[in-house]
Structure formats: C-alpha cells, structure tokens
Amino acid sequence: MSKWTEKTHILTRLTLIAGEPPTSWSDDMIAWANADGDYWLRLLDMNGDGEHLLIHIEEDDADEMKLYAVMGMVLYHEINYSNTPWNEFIEENNDADS
C-alpha cells in the first residue's frame, strides 16, 4: 500500500470512529476535537512524507466508546500511537529533534 493510500485509509477510519470530520488539518497533523473544543485525537505525519504515521490520543478528553474503538483499530492494525499527554508528547519530540 502506498504511503498516501495508507494515510487516507487511516484518516477515513478515524473519521468514521470520531463520527465527524476533522476540526484541524495541516500537512503534518489532522485533529479531531470533542464538544468542548479540546483535541482528543490526532493523526500525525511525523516526517512530513507519510513514512512515519502516528496516532496521538488524549485519553482525558476522549469519549470512552470512541477511545476504545480507536485503541482497537490501532492495536489490530499495528499502527504507532501515543497516549502521553499532549504537552509531554511535544516536549519529548522537541528534545528528540535537538
């Protein structure tokens, strides 16, 4: 499967689980927010070319049933993911880039 096809496939599945279109979209991140406007789910293109996709889940802001569905998809399809709080995730990845 091409990287573009893989990213599109994951995006489609996440949108079906989230039950709504993404609320934020850029080349390297697609995100879904809850009713309070807090981002609970992100699809990250870690190197900008579709080679390293990662799903970030903010468990405290996620609907429980949607969280379980995303985790099931992630584990079943062996997709890289993180459930580290977003601020910690950003710090860790900025440190890794340095």
N, C-alpha and C. Protein backbone atom coordinates (compact mmCIF):
# COMPACT_ATOMS: atom_id res chain seq x y z
N MET A 1 0.85 -1.17 0.00
CA MET A 1 0.00 0.00 0.00
C MET A 1 0.90 1.24 0.00
N SER A 2 0.61 2.20 -0.87
CA SER A 2 1.40 3.42 -0.91
C SER A 2 1.19 4.22 0.37
N LYS A 3 2.14 5.10 0.67
CA LYS A 3 2.04 5.91 1.88
C LYS A 3 0.81 6.81 1.83
N TRP A 4 0.50 7.38 0.68
CA TRP A 4 -0.68 8.23 0.55
C TRP A 4 -1.94 7.41 0.80
N THR A 5 -2.01 6.22 0.24
CA THR A 5 -3.16 5.35 0.43
C THR A 5 -3.29 4.95 1.89
N GLU A 6 -2.18 4.62 2.54
CA GLU A 6 -2.21 4.24 3.96
C GLU A 6 -2.73 5.40 4.81
N LYS A 7 -2.23 6.59 4.57
CA LYS A 7 -2.67 7.77 5.33
C LYS A 7 -4.16 8.03 5.11
N THR A 8 -4.60 7.92 3.88
CA THR A 8 -6.01 8.13 3.55
C THR A 8 -6.88 7.06 4.22
N HIS A 9 -6.42 5.83 4.20
CA HIS A 9 -7.15 4.72 4.82
C HIS A 9 -7.30 4.96 6.33
N ILE A 10 -6.24 5.35 7.01
CA ILE A 10 -6.28 5.62 8.45
C ILE A 10 -7.17 6.82 8.72
N LEU A 11 -7.04 7.88 7.93
CA LEU A 11 -7.86 9.07 8.09
C LEU A 11 -9.34 8.73 7.97
N THR A 12 -9.69 7.92 7.00
CA THR A 12 -11.08 7.52 6.80
C THR A 12 -11.61 6.75 8.01
N ARG A 13 -10.84 5.80 8.48
CA ARG A 13 -11.26 5.01 9.66
C ARG A 13 -11.42 5.89 10.89
N LEU A 14 -10.48 6.79 11.13
CA LEU A 14 -10.57 7.66 12.30
C LEU A 14 -11.78 8.58 12.22
N THR A 15 -12.06 9.08 11.02
CA THR A 15 -13.23 9.95 10.84
C THR A 15 -14.52 9.17 11.12
N LEU A 16 -14.58 7.93 10.68
CA LEU A 16 -15.76 7.10 10.98
C LEU A 16 -15.91 6.88 12.47
N ILE A 17 -14.82 6.62 13.16
CA ILE A 17 -14.87 6.41 14.61
C ILE A 17 -15.25 7.70 15.32
N ALA A 18 -14.63 8.81 14.94
CA ALA A 18 -14.89 10.09 15.58
C ALA A 18 -16.33 10.56 15.34
N GLY A 19 -16.90 10.14 14.22
CA GLY A 19 -18.27 10.49 13.91
C GLY A 19 -18.44 11.88 13.32
N GLU A 20 -17.34 12.51 12.99
CA GLU A 20 -17.38 13.86 12.42
C GLU A 20 -16.08 14.12 11.68
N PRO A 21 -16.09 15.10 10.78
CA PRO A 21 -14.85 15.42 10.07
C PRO A 21 -13.82 16.04 11.02
N PRO A 22 -12.55 16.00 10.64
CA PRO A 22 -11.52 16.62 11.47
C PRO A 22 -11.80 18.11 11.67
N THR A 23 -11.40 18.62 12.83
CA THR A 23 -11.61 20.04 13.13
C THR A 23 -10.37 20.88 12.83
N SER A 24 -9.24 20.22 12.60
CA SER A 24 -8.00 20.92 12.27
C SER A 24 -7.23 20.07 11.27
N TRP A 25 -6.65 20.73 10.27
CA TRP A 25 -5.98 19.99 9.20
C TRP A 25 -4.77 20.77 8.70
N SER A 26 -3.62 20.12 8.68
CA SER A 26 -2.42 20.69 8.07
C SER A 26 -1.68 19.54 7.39
N ASP A 27 -0.55 19.84 6.78
CA ASP A 27 0.20 18.79 6.09
C ASP A 27 0.70 17.70 7.02
N ASP A 28 1.02 18.09 8.26
CA ASP A 28 1.61 17.10 9.17
C ASP A 28 0.71 16.68 10.33
N MET A 29 -0.49 17.27 10.45
CA MET A 29 -1.38 16.88 11.54
C MET A 29 -2.84 17.07 11.15
N ILE A 30 -3.63 16.06 11.46
CA ILE A 30 -5.08 16.13 11.31
C ILE A 30 -5.63 15.83 12.69
N ALA A 31 -6.57 16.66 13.18
CA ALA A 31 -7.03 16.50 14.55
C ALA A 31 -8.55 16.58 14.66
N TRP A 32 -9.06 15.90 15.67
CA TRP A 32 -10.49 15.89 15.98
C TRP A 32 -10.66 16.43 17.40
N ALA A 33 -11.66 17.28 17.60
CA ALA A 33 -11.93 17.85 18.92
C ALA A 33 -13.23 17.28 19.48
N ASN A 34 -13.33 17.35 20.81
CA ASN A 34 -14.58 16.94 21.46
C ASN A 34 -15.55 18.13 21.47
N ALA A 35 -16.69 17.97 22.12
CA ALA A 35 -17.71 19.02 22.14
C ALA A 35 -17.23 20.29 22.82
N ASP A 36 -16.24 20.18 23.72
CA ASP A 36 -15.69 21.35 24.40
C ASP A 36 -14.59 22.03 23.60
N GLY A 37 -14.25 21.48 22.44
CA GLY A 37 -13.21 22.06 21.59
C GLY A 37 -11.80 21.59 21.93
N ASP A 38 -11.69 20.60 22.83
CA ASP A 38 -10.37 20.06 23.18
C ASP A 38 -10.02 18.93 22.22
N TYR A 39 -8.81 18.97 21.68
CA TYR A 39 -8.39 17.93 20.76
C TYR A 39 -8.16 16.63 21.52
N TRP A 40 -8.80 15.57 21.04
CA TRP A 40 -8.66 14.27 21.71
C TRP A 40 -7.97 13.25 20.81
N LEU A 41 -7.90 13.53 19.53
CA LEU A 41 -7.36 12.57 18.57
C LEU A 41 -6.61 13.32 17.48
N ARG A 42 -5.38 12.83 17.21
CA ARG A 42 -4.57 13.46 16.17
C ARG A 42 -3.91 12.37 15.33
N LEU A 43 -3.89 12.58 14.03
CA LEU A 43 -3.12 11.74 13.11
C LEU A 43 -1.92 12.59 12.70
N LEU A 44 -0.73 12.15 13.11
CA LEU A 44 0.49 12.91 12.86
C LEU A 44 1.33 12.25 11.78
N ASP A 45 1.80 13.05 10.85
CA ASP A 45 2.76 12.60 9.84
C ASP A 45 4.11 13.10 10.35
N MET A 46 4.82 12.25 11.07
CA MET A 46 5.98 12.65 11.85
C MET A 46 7.14 13.18 11.02
N ASN A 47 7.27 12.75 9.77
CA ASN A 47 8.38 13.25 8.95
C ASN A 47 7.90 13.98 7.69
N GLY A 48 6.59 14.18 7.59
CA GLY A 48 6.05 15.00 6.51
C GLY A 48 5.88 14.33 5.17
N ASP A 49 6.23 13.04 5.07
CA ASP A 49 6.06 12.39 3.76
C ASP A 49 5.29 11.08 3.84
N GLY A 50 4.58 10.87 4.94
CA GLY A 50 3.74 9.68 5.06
C GLY A 50 4.48 8.42 5.45
N GLU A 51 5.76 8.51 5.71
CA GLU A 51 6.55 7.32 6.05
C GLU A 51 6.39 6.91 7.51
N HIS A 52 6.12 7.87 8.38
CA HIS A 52 6.03 7.58 9.80
C HIS A 52 4.76 8.24 10.36
N LEU A 53 3.67 7.49 10.31
CA LEU A 53 2.41 7.99 10.83
C LEU A 53 2.27 7.57 12.29
N LEU A 54 1.65 8.43 13.08
CA LEU A 54 1.43 8.13 14.48
C LEU A 54 0.08 8.71 14.89
N ILE A 55 -0.67 7.95 15.65
CA ILE A 55 -1.93 8.43 16.18
C ILE A 55 -1.69 8.84 17.63
N HIS A 56 -2.06 10.07 17.95
CA HIS A 56 -1.97 10.56 19.32
C HIS A 56 -3.38 10.64 19.90
N ILE A 57 -3.55 10.05 21.09
CA ILE A 57 -4.84 10.01 21.74
C ILE A 57 -4.73 10.72 23.09
N GLU A 58 -5.56 11.70 23.30
CA GLU A 58 -5.62 12.40 24.58
C GLU A 58 -6.77 11.76 25.37
N GLU A 59 -6.43 10.76 26.17
CA GLU A 59 -7.43 9.93 26.83
C GLU A 59 -8.40 10.73 27.70
N ASP A 60 -7.92 11.74 28.41
CA ASP A 60 -8.77 12.51 29.32
C ASP A 60 -9.85 13.31 28.58
N ASP A 61 -9.63 13.59 27.30
CA ASP A 61 -10.58 14.39 26.53
C ASP A 61 -11.44 13.55 25.59
N ALA A 62 -11.22 12.24 25.58
CA ALA A 62 -11.91 11.36 24.63
C ALA A 62 -13.19 10.77 25.23
N ASP A 63 -14.17 10.62 24.38
CA ASP A 63 -15.36 9.84 24.73
C ASP A 63 -14.92 8.39 24.91
N GLU A 64 -15.37 7.75 25.96
CA GLU A 64 -14.89 6.41 26.30
C GLU A 64 -15.10 5.40 25.18
N MET A 65 -16.25 5.38 24.56
CA MET A 65 -16.52 4.41 23.49
C MET A 65 -15.67 4.69 22.25
N LYS A 66 -15.48 5.95 21.93
CA LYS A 66 -14.62 6.31 20.79
C LYS A 66 -13.17 5.95 21.10
N LEU A 67 -12.75 6.17 22.34
CA LEU A 67 -11.40 5.80 22.75
C LEU A 67 -11.17 4.31 22.56
N TYR A 68 -12.10 3.49 23.00
CA TYR A 68 -11.97 2.04 22.85
C TYR A 68 -11.92 1.64 21.37
N ALA A 69 -12.72 2.29 20.55
CA ALA A 69 -12.73 1.98 19.12
C ALA A 69 -11.39 2.34 18.46
N VAL A 70 -10.86 3.51 18.81
CA VAL A 70 -9.56 3.92 18.25
C VAL A 70 -8.47 2.97 18.71
N MET A 71 -8.45 2.64 19.99
CA MET A 71 -7.43 1.73 20.51
C MET A 71 -7.54 0.35 19.85
N GLY A 72 -8.74 -0.13 19.62
CA GLY A 72 -8.92 -1.40 18.93
C GLY A 72 -8.35 -1.35 17.53
N MET A 73 -8.63 -0.25 16.80
CA MET A 73 -8.11 -0.10 15.44
C MET A 73 -6.58 -0.04 15.46
N VAL A 74 -6.03 0.75 16.37
CA VAL A 74 -4.58 0.93 16.47
C VAL A 74 -3.89 -0.41 16.75
N LEU A 75 -4.41 -1.13 17.72
CA LEU A 75 -3.79 -2.41 18.09
C LEU A 75 -3.97 -3.46 17.01
N TYR A 76 -5.15 -3.55 16.44
CA TYR A 76 -5.42 -4.55 15.40
C TYR A 76 -4.55 -4.34 14.16
N HIS A 77 -4.41 -3.08 13.76
CA HIS A 77 -3.65 -2.76 12.54
C HIS A 77 -2.19 -2.44 12.82
N GLU A 78 -1.77 -2.55 14.07
CA GLU A 78 -0.39 -2.30 14.48
C GLU A 78 0.11 -0.93 14.02
N ILE A 79 -0.69 0.09 14.31
CA ILE A 79 -0.37 1.47 13.97
C ILE A 79 0.34 2.09 15.17
N ASN A 80 1.40 2.84 14.92
CA ASN A 80 2.10 3.53 16.00
C ASN A 80 1.16 4.53 16.66
N TYR A 81 1.23 4.58 18.01
CA TYR A 81 0.38 5.52 18.72
C TYR A 81 1.07 6.00 19.99
N SER A 82 0.51 7.08 20.54
CA SER A 82 0.96 7.60 21.82
C SER A 82 -0.27 8.06 22.58
N ASN A 83 -0.27 7.79 23.87
CA ASN A 83 -1.33 8.33 24.73
C ASN A 83 -0.71 9.17 25.86
N THR A 84 0.51 9.62 25.62
CA THR A 84 1.18 10.56 26.52
C THR A 84 0.43 11.89 26.44
N PRO A 85 0.20 12.57 27.56
CA PRO A 85 -0.44 13.89 27.46
C PRO A 85 0.27 14.77 26.43
N TRP A 86 -0.50 15.55 25.68
CA TRP A 86 -0.01 16.30 24.53
C TRP A 86 1.20 17.16 24.87
N ASN A 87 1.15 17.90 25.96
CA ASN A 87 2.29 18.78 26.30
C ASN A 87 3.56 17.97 26.51
N GLU A 88 3.46 16.82 27.17
CA GLU A 88 4.62 15.95 27.37
C GLU A 88 5.10 15.37 26.04
N PHE A 89 4.16 15.00 25.20
CA PHE A 89 4.49 14.44 23.88
C PHE A 89 5.29 15.45 23.07
N ILE A 90 4.84 16.70 23.06
CA ILE A 90 5.52 17.77 22.31
C ILE A 90 6.93 17.97 22.87
N GLU A 91 7.06 18.03 24.19
CA GLU A 91 8.38 18.21 24.80
C GLU A 91 9.32 17.08 24.44
N GLU A 92 8.85 15.83 24.53
CA GLU A 92 9.67 14.67 24.21
C GLU A 92 10.15 14.71 22.77
N ASN A 93 9.25 15.07 21.87
CA ASN A 93 9.62 15.08 20.45
C ASN A 93 10.49 16.27 20.09
N ASN A 94 10.33 17.40 20.77
CA ASN A 94 11.24 18.53 20.55
C ASN A 94 12.63 18.19 21.05
N ASP A 95 12.72 17.49 22.19
CA ASP A 95 14.01 17.08 22.72
C ASP A 95 14.69 16.10 21.77
N ALA A 96 13.91 15.21 21.17
CA ALA A 96 14.47 14.21 20.25
C ALA A 96 15.01 14.86 18.98
N ASP A 97 14.39 15.98 18.57
CA ASP A 97 14.83 16.69 17.37
C ASP A 97 16.11 17.49 17.61
N SER A 98 16.38 17.82 18.86
CA SER A 98 17.55 18.65 19.19
C SER A 98 18.84 17.91 19.08
